[in-house]
Amino acid sequence: MSALAAPTPVRTGAGPRPRPRHLQLVGPGFVPAPVPEVQRPASPAAVTRPRSTPSTDRTAPPGLRLTARGRLVRSAALLLLATVLAVATGGWLGSVVSGGESYSGPVERVTVSAGDTLWGIAGATAAEGQDVRDVVDDILRINGLESGDLAVGQQLLVPAG
């Protein structure tokens, strides 16, 4: 192993001594000085700690420390939770708002026959210049249908055009 040797800076003046460095540049043949051994007690019971009263003991236990990955996971989980809550709240508000609307015009009763579609029935009953999509939406809302699937013989209430 080799290292670069750097000249030691010359101190001038009687100012405070610089802190010793933990890392040193060493030259060839360097032998570290032996480290003095520290005397340790034989058992943990021999160690005496100063007792503190509850009023002066203000140290709190250390909190949970998260790594960068942990903070990322926590942020993603909170974002996912906020998104789920926003979607659920929006769906609930949408159903509350749209549930109050109902068709208030005149209606006719139509029996579904073979080959009839919701679009065809809406187109036949739509008034002149009325958008068929709006009539389909009205038929679905009046009859409480979730989709446009119809069965032969089914009775539908449709807006009278």
Protein backbone atom coordinates (compact mmCIF):
# COMPACT_ATOMS: atom_id res chain seq x y z
CA MET A 1 0.00 0.00 0.00
CA SER A 2 1.31 3.44 -0.77
CA ALA A 3 0.35 6.93 0.24
CA LEU A 4 1.43 10.42 -0.57
CA ALA A 5 3.43 12.28 1.97
CA ALA A 6 2.43 15.88 2.49
CA PRO A 7 4.53 18.40 4.39
CA THR A 8 3.13 19.36 7.77
CA PRO A 9 2.14 23.03 7.92
CA VAL A 10 4.29 25.13 10.20
CA ARG A 11 2.39 26.78 13.02
CA THR A 12 3.10 30.37 13.80
CA GLY A 13 1.69 32.12 16.80
CA ALA A 14 0.30 30.88 20.04
CA GLY A 15 -3.32 30.45 18.94
CA PRO A 16 -5.47 27.44 19.70
CA ARG A 17 -4.23 24.13 18.51
CA PRO A 18 -6.02 22.65 15.48
CA ARG A 19 -8.17 19.56 16.03
CA PRO A 20 -6.36 16.30 15.36
CA ARG A 21 -7.41 14.68 12.16
CA HIS A 22 -8.95 11.23 12.06
CA LEU A 23 -7.21 10.41 8.82
CA GLN A 24 -3.53 10.98 8.25
CA LEU A 25 -1.31 10.87 5.24
CA VAL A 26 1.50 8.44 6.02
CA GLY A 27 4.69 7.50 4.35
CA PRO A 28 6.37 4.14 3.86
CA GLY A 29 7.34 2.31 7.05
CA PHE A 30 4.61 3.97 9.16
CA VAL A 31 3.76 2.07 12.32
CA PRO A 32 0.70 3.30 14.24
CA ALA A 33 1.05 4.05 17.93
CA PRO A 34 -0.60 1.51 20.25
CA VAL A 35 -4.05 2.50 21.52
CA PRO A 36 -4.39 2.46 25.32
CA GLU A 37 -6.99 -0.01 26.58
CA VAL A 38 -10.02 1.34 28.38
CA GLN A 39 -10.93 -0.29 31.70
CA ARG A 40 -14.54 -1.51 31.63
CA PRO A 41 -16.65 -2.65 34.58
CA ALA A 42 -17.09 -6.39 35.04
CA SER A 43 -20.89 -6.30 35.03
CA PRO A 44 -23.60 -3.84 34.01
CA ALA A 45 -24.79 -3.72 37.63
CA ALA A 46 -21.51 -2.13 38.64
CA VAL A 47 -22.23 0.90 36.48
CA THR A 48 -23.95 3.62 38.47
CA ARG A 49 -25.92 6.23 36.65
CA PRO A 50 -27.10 9.45 38.18
CA ARG A 51 -30.77 9.33 39.02
CA SER A 52 -32.98 12.06 37.73
CA THR A 53 -36.29 13.21 39.05
CA PRO A 54 -39.32 13.06 36.75
CA SER A 55 -39.56 16.85 36.67
CA THR A 56 -36.00 17.29 35.35
CA ASP A 57 -35.96 14.31 32.95
CA ARG A 58 -37.04 15.97 29.71
CA THR A 59 -35.52 13.54 27.23
CA ALA A 60 -38.08 12.05 24.89
CA PRO A 61 -37.60 8.68 23.21
CA PRO A 62 -36.25 9.00 19.69
CA GLY A 63 -38.95 9.10 17.02
CA LEU A 64 -39.32 6.90 14.00
CA ARG A 65 -36.65 7.70 11.42
CA LEU A 66 -37.43 6.85 7.82
CA THR A 67 -34.98 6.26 5.02
CA ALA A 68 -35.44 7.92 1.65
CA ARG A 69 -37.22 4.81 0.38
CA GLY A 70 -39.46 4.79 3.45
CA ARG A 71 -40.41 8.43 2.89
CA LEU A 72 -41.15 7.66 -0.76
CA VAL A 73 -43.38 4.72 0.17
CA ARG A 74 -45.16 6.81 2.82
CA SER A 75 -45.77 9.61 0.32
CA ALA A 76 -47.05 7.20 -2.32
CA ALA A 77 -49.41 5.55 0.20
CA LEU A 78 -50.79 8.92 1.29
CA LEU A 79 -51.24 9.99 -2.32
CA LEU A 80 -53.06 6.75 -3.12
CA LEU A 81 -55.32 7.18 -0.08
CA ALA A 82 -56.10 10.78 -1.06
CA THR A 83 -56.92 9.70 -4.62
CA VAL A 84 -59.24 6.93 -3.44
CA LEU A 85 -61.01 9.32 -1.09
CA ALA A 86 -61.37 11.94 -3.83
CA VAL A 87 -62.83 9.42 -6.30
CA ALA A 88 -65.23 8.01 -3.69
CA THR A 89 -66.36 11.48 -2.64
CA GLY A 90 -66.82 12.54 -6.26
CA GLY A 91 -68.88 9.44 -7.02
CA TRP A 92 -71.04 9.98 -3.97
CA LEU A 93 -71.58 13.68 -4.77
CA GLY A 94 -72.36 12.84 -8.39
CA SER A 95 -75.02 10.35 -7.37
CA VAL A 96 -76.53 12.80 -4.88
CA VAL A 97 -76.67 15.60 -7.43
CA SER A 98 -78.02 13.50 -10.30
CA GLY A 99 -80.45 11.59 -8.05
CA GLY A 100 -82.50 14.75 -7.50
CA GLU A 101 -83.23 15.20 -11.20
CA SER A 102 -86.19 13.42 -12.71
CA TYR A 103 -88.05 13.67 -15.96
CA SER A 104 -91.14 15.84 -15.49
CA GLY A 105 -92.67 15.78 -18.98
CA PRO A 106 -95.36 13.51 -20.42
CA VAL A 107 -94.45 9.83 -20.96
CA GLU A 108 -95.72 6.97 -23.09
CA ARG A 109 -95.54 3.24 -22.34
CA VAL A 110 -93.73 1.21 -25.03
CA THR A 111 -93.42 -2.59 -25.17
CA VAL A 112 -90.08 -3.88 -26.47
CA SER A 113 -90.39 -6.27 -29.41
CA ALA A 114 -87.79 -8.51 -31.06
CA GLY A 115 -84.95 -6.50 -32.66
CA ASP A 116 -85.73 -3.23 -30.86
CA THR A 117 -82.83 -1.24 -29.48
CA LEU A 118 -82.82 1.64 -27.05
CA TRP A 119 -81.43 3.91 -29.77
CA GLY A 120 -84.18 2.88 -32.20
CA ILE A 121 -86.94 3.49 -29.64
CA ALA A 122 -85.43 6.87 -28.69
CA GLY A 123 -85.13 7.87 -32.35
CA ALA A 124 -88.78 6.94 -33.02
CA THR A 125 -90.09 8.93 -30.05
CA ALA A 126 -87.76 11.98 -30.25
CA ALA A 127 -89.35 15.28 -31.16
CA GLU A 128 -88.32 17.20 -34.28
CA GLY A 129 -84.80 18.63 -33.77
CA GLN A 130 -84.29 16.87 -30.41
CA ASP A 131 -80.97 15.07 -29.89
CA VAL A 132 -81.47 11.29 -29.74
CA ARG A 133 -78.68 10.97 -27.15
CA ASP A 134 -80.66 13.12 -24.72
CA VAL A 135 -83.76 10.94 -25.27
CA VAL A 136 -81.72 7.76 -24.62
CA ASP A 137 -80.44 9.31 -21.39
CA ASP A 138 -84.00 10.26 -20.36
CA ILE A 139 -85.26 6.70 -21.04
CA LEU A 140 -82.45 5.20 -18.96
CA ARG A 141 -83.12 7.62 -16.08
CA ILE A 142 -86.94 7.27 -16.12
CA ASN A 143 -86.80 3.45 -16.09
CA GLY A 144 -83.80 3.16 -13.71
CA LEU A 145 -81.76 1.16 -16.24
CA GLU A 146 -78.02 0.72 -15.81
CA SER A 147 -77.38 -0.25 -19.45
CA GLY A 148 -79.11 -0.36 -22.81
CA ASP A 149 -79.82 -4.10 -22.64
CA LEU A 150 -83.50 -4.76 -23.37
CA ALA A 151 -85.62 -7.91 -23.19
CA VAL A 152 -88.54 -8.77 -25.49
CA GLY A 153 -91.82 -7.87 -23.80
CA GLN A 154 -90.22 -5.36 -21.42
CA GLN A 155 -92.35 -2.28 -20.69
CA LEU A 156 -90.53 1.07 -20.99
CA LEU A 157 -91.66 4.57 -20.13
CA VAL A 158 -90.40 6.93 -22.84
CA PRO A 159 -90.76 10.72 -23.15
CA ALA A 160 -93.73 11.64 -25.32
CA GLY A 161 -92.49 13.59 -28.30
